[in-house]
C-alpha atoms as a PDB file:
ATOM      1  CA  MET A   1    -164.168 242.783  84.789  1.00  0.00           C
ATOM      2  CA  MET A   2    -163.894 245.068  88.240  1.00  0.00           C
ATOM      3  CA  ASP A   3    -159.701 244.760  88.012  1.00  0.00           C
ATOM      4  CA  GLY A   4    -160.130 246.833  84.738  1.00  0.00           C
ATOM      5  CA  SER A   5    -159.267 243.685  82.571  1.00  0.00           C
ATOM      6  CA  ALA A   6    -161.649 242.293  79.652  1.00  0.00           C
ATOM      7  CA  SER A   7    -163.710 239.500  80.841  1.00  0.00           C
ATOM      8  CA  LYS A   8    -164.385 237.292  77.647  1.00  0.00           C
ATOM      9  CA  GLN A   9    -167.735 238.831  77.283  1.00  0.00           C
ATOM     10  CA  THR A  10    -166.424 242.303  76.771  1.00  0.00           C
ATOM     11  CA  GLU A  11    -163.935 240.716  73.934  1.00  0.00           C
ATOM     12  CA  LYS A  12    -166.268 239.052  72.027  1.00  0.00           C
ATOM     13  CA  VAL A  13    -168.803 242.689  71.910  1.00  0.00           C
ATOM     14  CA  GLU A  14    -165.524 244.633  70.816  1.00  0.00           C
ATOM     15  CA  ALA A  15    -165.074 242.097  68.034  1.00  0.00           C
ATOM     16  CA  PHE A  16    -168.346 242.281  67.226  1.00  0.00           C
ATOM     17  CA  VAL A  17    -168.085 246.474  67.352  1.00  0.00           C
ATOM     18  CA  GLN A  18    -165.180 246.210  64.796  1.00  0.00           C
ATOM     19  CA  SER A  19    -167.040 244.353  62.466  1.00  0.00           C
ATOM     20  CA  LEU A  20    -170.234 246.747  62.574  1.00  0.00           C
ATOM     21  CA  ARG A  21    -168.210 249.580  62.385  1.00  0.00           C
ATOM     22  CA  ARG A  22    -166.985 248.504  58.862  1.00  0.00           C
ATOM     23  CA  HIS A  23    -170.511 247.671  57.955  1.00  0.00           C
ATOM     24  CA  ILE A  24    -172.423 250.954  59.328  1.00  0.00           C
ATOM     25  CA  PRO A  25    -171.506 254.368  59.173  1.00  0.00           C
ATOM     26  CA  VAL A  26    -172.966 255.834  62.472  1.00  0.00           C
ATOM     27  CA  PRO A  27    -170.677 255.955  65.200  1.00  0.00           C
ATOM     28  CA  ILE A  28    -170.316 253.451  68.386  1.00  0.00           C
ATOM     29  CA  ALA A  29    -170.101 254.483  71.410  1.00  0.00           C
ATOM     30  CA  LEU A  30    -169.363 251.879  74.004  1.00  0.00           C
ATOM     31  CA  ARG A  31    -170.171 252.128  78.154  1.00  0.00           C
ATOM     32  CA  ASP A  32    -168.699 250.679  81.018  1.00  0.00           C
ATOM     33  CA  GLU A  33    -172.290 248.606  82.649  1.00  0.00           C
ATOM     34  CA  ARG A  34    -170.132 246.783  85.692  1.00  0.00           C
ATOM     35  CA  LEU A  35    -172.094 248.770  88.010  1.00  0.00           C
ATOM     36  CA  THR A  36    -175.719 250.154  86.718  1.00  0.00           C
ATOM     37  CA  THR A  37    -177.398 246.952  88.024  1.00  0.00           C
ATOM     38  CA  VAL A  38    -176.161 247.459  91.362  1.00  0.00           C
ATOM     39  CA  SER A  39    -177.210 251.097  91.111  1.00  0.00           C
ATOM     40  CA  ALA A  40    -180.952 249.922  89.275  1.00  0.00           C
ATOM     41  CA  GLN A  41    -181.227 247.957  92.153  1.00  0.00           C
ATOM     42  CA  ARG A  42    -180.335 250.769  94.725  1.00  0.00           C
ATOM     43  CA  LEU A  43    -182.786 252.802  93.108  1.00  0.00           C
ATOM     44  CA  MET A  44    -185.430 250.432  93.301  1.00  0.00           C
ATOM     45  CA  ARG A  45    -185.044 250.358  96.876  1.00  0.00           C
ATOM     46  CA  GLU A  46    -185.147 253.563  97.518  1.00  0.00           C
ATOM     47  CA  ALA A  47    -188.695 253.854  95.289  1.00  0.00           C
ATOM     48  CA  SER A  48    -189.952 250.791  97.375  1.00  0.00           C
ATOM     49  CA  ILE A  49    -190.759 248.710  94.162  1.00  0.00           C
ATOM     50  CA  LYS A  50    -191.929 245.453  95.492  1.00  0.00           C
ATOM     51  CA  LYS A  51    -189.526 242.312  94.657  1.00  0.00           C
ATOM     52  CA  SER A  52    -191.447 240.616  92.052  1.00  0.00           C
ATOM     53  CA  ARG A  53    -191.248 243.746  90.084  1.00  0.00           C
ATOM     54  CA  GLU A  54    -187.218 244.460  90.695  1.00  0.00           C
ATOM     55  CA  LYS A  55    -186.324 241.881  87.979  1.00  0.00           C
ATOM     56  CA  LYS A  56    -188.619 242.704  85.536  1.00  0.00           C
ATOM     57  CA  ARG A  57    -187.134 246.268  86.268  1.00  0.00           C
ATOM     58  CA  ASP A  58    -183.764 245.889  86.656  1.00  0.00           C
ATOM     59  CA  ASP A  59    -182.503 245.921  82.715  1.00  0.00           C
ATOM     60  CA  ALA A  60    -184.583 248.560  81.662  1.00  0.00           C
ATOM     61  CA  ILE A  61    -183.184 251.046  84.576  1.00  0.00           C
ATOM     62  CA  ALA A  62    -179.760 249.697  84.862  1.00  0.00           C
ATOM     63  CA  ALA A  63    -180.015 251.288  80.632  1.00  0.00           C
ATOM     64  CA  ALA A  64    -181.488 254.058  81.809  1.00  0.00           C
ATOM     65  CA  ILE A  65    -178.680 254.782  84.307  1.00  0.00           C
ATOM     66  CA  ILE A  66    -176.273 254.122  81.121  1.00  0.00           C
ATOM     67  CA  LEU A  67    -177.861 256.335  78.102  1.00  0.00           C
ATOM     68  CA  GLN A  68    -177.982 258.785  80.901  1.00  0.00           C
ATOM     69  CA  SER A  69    -174.484 259.174  81.685  1.00  0.00           C
ATOM     70  CA  PHE A  70    -173.696 258.858  78.375  1.00  0.00           C
ATOM     71  CA  LEU A  71    -176.101 262.118  77.594  1.00  0.00           C
ATOM     72  CA  ASP A  72    -174.098 263.294  80.763  1.00  0.00           C
ATOM     73  CA  GLU A  73    -170.871 262.810  79.104  1.00  0.00           C
ATOM     74  CA  SER A  74    -171.923 264.247  75.659  1.00  0.00           C
ATOM     75  CA  LEU A  75    -173.249 267.648  77.451  1.00  0.00           C
ATOM     76  CA  ARG A  76    -170.103 268.529  78.500  1.00  0.00           C
END
């Protein structure tokens, strides 16, 4: 949630991740993605992407923002 508290979906994801960690030996990093869709929509507006295409690209651009922030933090 925007106030920093966990939502029901957050709790479900965290439970899933805990289960997954018991079954696979790879690191799993959780990311805060609350504002990535807003950022993606702003970038598309700035790039003048037509509204009919916006919804199709929102999630892909938001995912790219999440990945880039993870990579940026990993390089520090």
